[in-house]
Every structure is written in structure tokens, then in C-alpha cells.
Amino acid sequence: MPDIYTVVQFVVIVVVSGVCGGLARAMFGLGRDNFLLSVVFGTIGGYLGLYLHQTFFPAANLPSFRVGSQTIEIVWIMIGAIVFTFVASLVDGARRRLTRRQPSAPHQPQ
């Protein structure tokens, strides 16, 4: 039987993703103003965190809670969001350094 989300489950998952993504973005100074972007960062971070958990730390049993049939492992979502935001801040910083214009020499009147 497929796992179907109820409206409450979906809202809880979106809010948890948004909070985790927003906290991670705030830690690296990427802004706190866009909740939708925070949800994206939190969702990608959630998948990354669960991948890290299953691949490298399968025995680690950190706090989680259940929403319907879904288990939300909040610590791993936060860890994944921090890792993803760190990589995004490195890419954003490199992009800004490459596109930054060099200041021209001041114009001297004759």
C-alpha cells in the first residue's frame, strides 16, 4: 500500500524542513528572509542527512518523532541541512569572488 500523506503530515514536514533549512542558512549568513528557499534547503538537507545516517552511522540512534507513518529524524535533517548549506555557501562565495569587479584606478583630473 502506498504511503499517502495527509494535509497535517505534509504541513508538519514542510515546517520542519523550513525551520531546519532556515537555521542552517542563518548559521552561514545566507539570509533569513525566504521561507520557500529554507524549505528547499531543509528538504535537500533532510535527504542528505538521512543518506549520511544510513551510509556512515547506521547504529546511531538519535531523537526522532513520528508523524503518521513517517519517522522524522530531526537531528539528521539538521546535520544534512548544515552540510548542504555549507557547500552552497562555498559555491556562492566562489561565484561571488569570480564575478567581483576589480576597482578601477581613480580618475585624476588634468
Protein backbone atom coordinates (compact mmCIF):
# COMPACT_ATOMS: atom_id res chain seq x y z
CA MET A 1 0.00 0.00 0.00
CA PRO A 2 1.48 3.39 -0.95
CA ASP A 3 2.23 5.86 1.80
CA ILE A 4 -0.20 8.76 1.38
CA TYR A 5 0.40 11.98 3.29
CA THR A 6 -2.45 13.72 4.99
CA VAL A 7 -2.56 17.51 4.97
CA VAL A 8 -1.34 17.62 8.58
CA GLN A 9 1.61 15.33 7.85
CA PHE A 10 2.58 17.42 4.83
CA VAL A 11 2.36 20.69 6.76
CA VAL A 12 4.45 19.28 9.64
CA ILE A 13 7.12 18.02 7.22
CA VAL A 14 7.24 21.38 5.39
CA VAL A 15 7.51 23.32 8.66
CA VAL A 16 10.27 21.04 10.00
CA SER A 17 12.16 21.36 6.69
CA GLY A 18 11.73 25.12 6.72
CA VAL A 19 12.93 25.52 10.29
CA CYS A 20 15.97 23.27 9.78
CA GLY A 21 16.83 24.95 6.46
CA GLY A 22 16.33 28.41 7.94
CA LEU A 23 18.56 27.68 10.92
CA ALA A 24 21.27 26.26 8.66
CA ARG A 25 21.06 29.24 6.29
CA ALA A 26 21.23 31.66 9.22
CA MET A 27 24.32 29.89 10.57
CA PHE A 28 26.18 30.62 7.32
CA GLY A 29 24.76 34.09 6.75
CA LEU A 30 22.77 33.21 3.63
CA GLY A 31 19.71 35.16 4.76
CA ARG A 32 16.62 34.54 6.80
CA ASP A 33 14.01 36.15 4.62
CA ASN A 34 12.88 33.45 2.16
CA PHE A 35 10.90 30.62 3.79
CA LEU A 36 10.45 28.75 0.50
CA LEU A 37 14.20 28.65 -0.03
CA SER A 38 14.62 27.48 3.57
CA VAL A 39 12.17 24.64 2.87
CA VAL A 40 14.22 23.66 -0.20
CA PHE A 41 17.47 23.72 1.80
CA GLY A 42 15.84 21.74 4.61
CA THR A 43 14.35 19.15 2.23
CA ILE A 44 17.61 18.59 0.37
CA GLY A 45 19.43 18.58 3.70
CA GLY A 46 16.94 16.05 5.04
CA TYR A 47 17.66 13.63 2.22
CA LEU A 48 21.40 14.23 2.59
CA GLY A 49 21.25 13.76 6.36
CA LEU A 50 19.31 10.51 6.07
CA TYR A 51 21.80 9.30 3.46
CA LEU A 52 24.70 10.11 5.81
CA HIS A 53 22.89 8.35 8.65
CA GLN A 54 22.18 5.18 6.68
CA THR A 55 25.58 5.04 4.98
CA PHE A 56 28.06 6.07 7.65
CA PHE A 57 26.28 5.92 11.01
CA PRO A 58 23.60 3.20 10.83
CA ALA A 59 23.87 2.34 14.53
CA ALA A 60 23.41 5.93 15.73
CA ASN A 61 20.04 6.29 17.37
CA LEU A 62 19.30 10.00 17.73
CA PRO A 63 16.00 11.59 18.74
CA SER A 64 13.16 11.39 16.24
CA PHE A 65 9.39 11.69 16.22
CA ARG A 66 6.58 10.17 14.22
CA VAL A 67 4.00 12.00 12.14
CA GLY A 68 1.50 9.44 10.94
CA SER A 69 3.52 6.68 9.34
CA GLN A 70 6.63 8.84 8.81
CA THR A 71 9.55 8.98 11.21
CA ILE A 72 11.19 12.41 11.20
CA GLU A 73 14.77 12.26 12.39
CA ILE A 74 15.20 15.90 13.26
CA VAL A 75 18.90 15.74 14.18
CA TRP A 76 19.87 14.09 10.88
CA ILE A 77 17.77 16.57 8.94
CA MET A 78 19.58 19.41 10.72
CA ILE A 79 23.00 17.83 10.09
CA GLY A 80 22.19 17.36 6.41
CA ALA A 81 20.88 20.92 6.11
CA ILE A 82 24.07 22.26 7.69
CA VAL A 83 26.28 20.22 5.33
CA PHE A 84 24.25 21.25 2.27
CA THR A 85 24.22 24.91 3.31
CA PHE A 86 27.98 24.82 3.92
CA VAL A 87 28.56 23.51 0.39
CA ALA A 88 26.11 26.07 -1.03
CA SER A 89 27.89 28.89 0.80
CA LEU A 90 31.24 27.74 -0.61
CA VAL A 91 29.82 27.69 -4.14
CA ASP A 92 28.12 31.07 -3.61
CA GLY A 93 31.33 32.57 -2.22
CA ALA A 94 33.39 31.23 -5.12
CA ARG A 95 30.85 32.58 -7.60
CA ARG A 96 30.92 35.99 -5.94
CA ARG A 97 34.72 36.06 -5.94
CA LEU A 98 34.82 35.20 -9.65
CA THR A 99 32.26 37.82 -10.66
CA ARG A 100 33.50 40.61 -8.40
CA ARG A 101 34.71 43.56 -10.43
CA GLN A 102 38.13 44.91 -9.71
CA PRO A 103 38.05 48.56 -8.66
CA SER A 104 39.41 50.85 -11.31
CA ALA A 105 42.06 53.41 -10.57
CA PRO A 106 40.64 56.77 -9.52
CA HIS A 107 40.36 59.24 -12.32
CA GLN A 108 42.91 62.04 -11.96
CA PRO A 109 41.82 65.44 -13.29
CA GLN A 110 44.37 67.16 -15.52
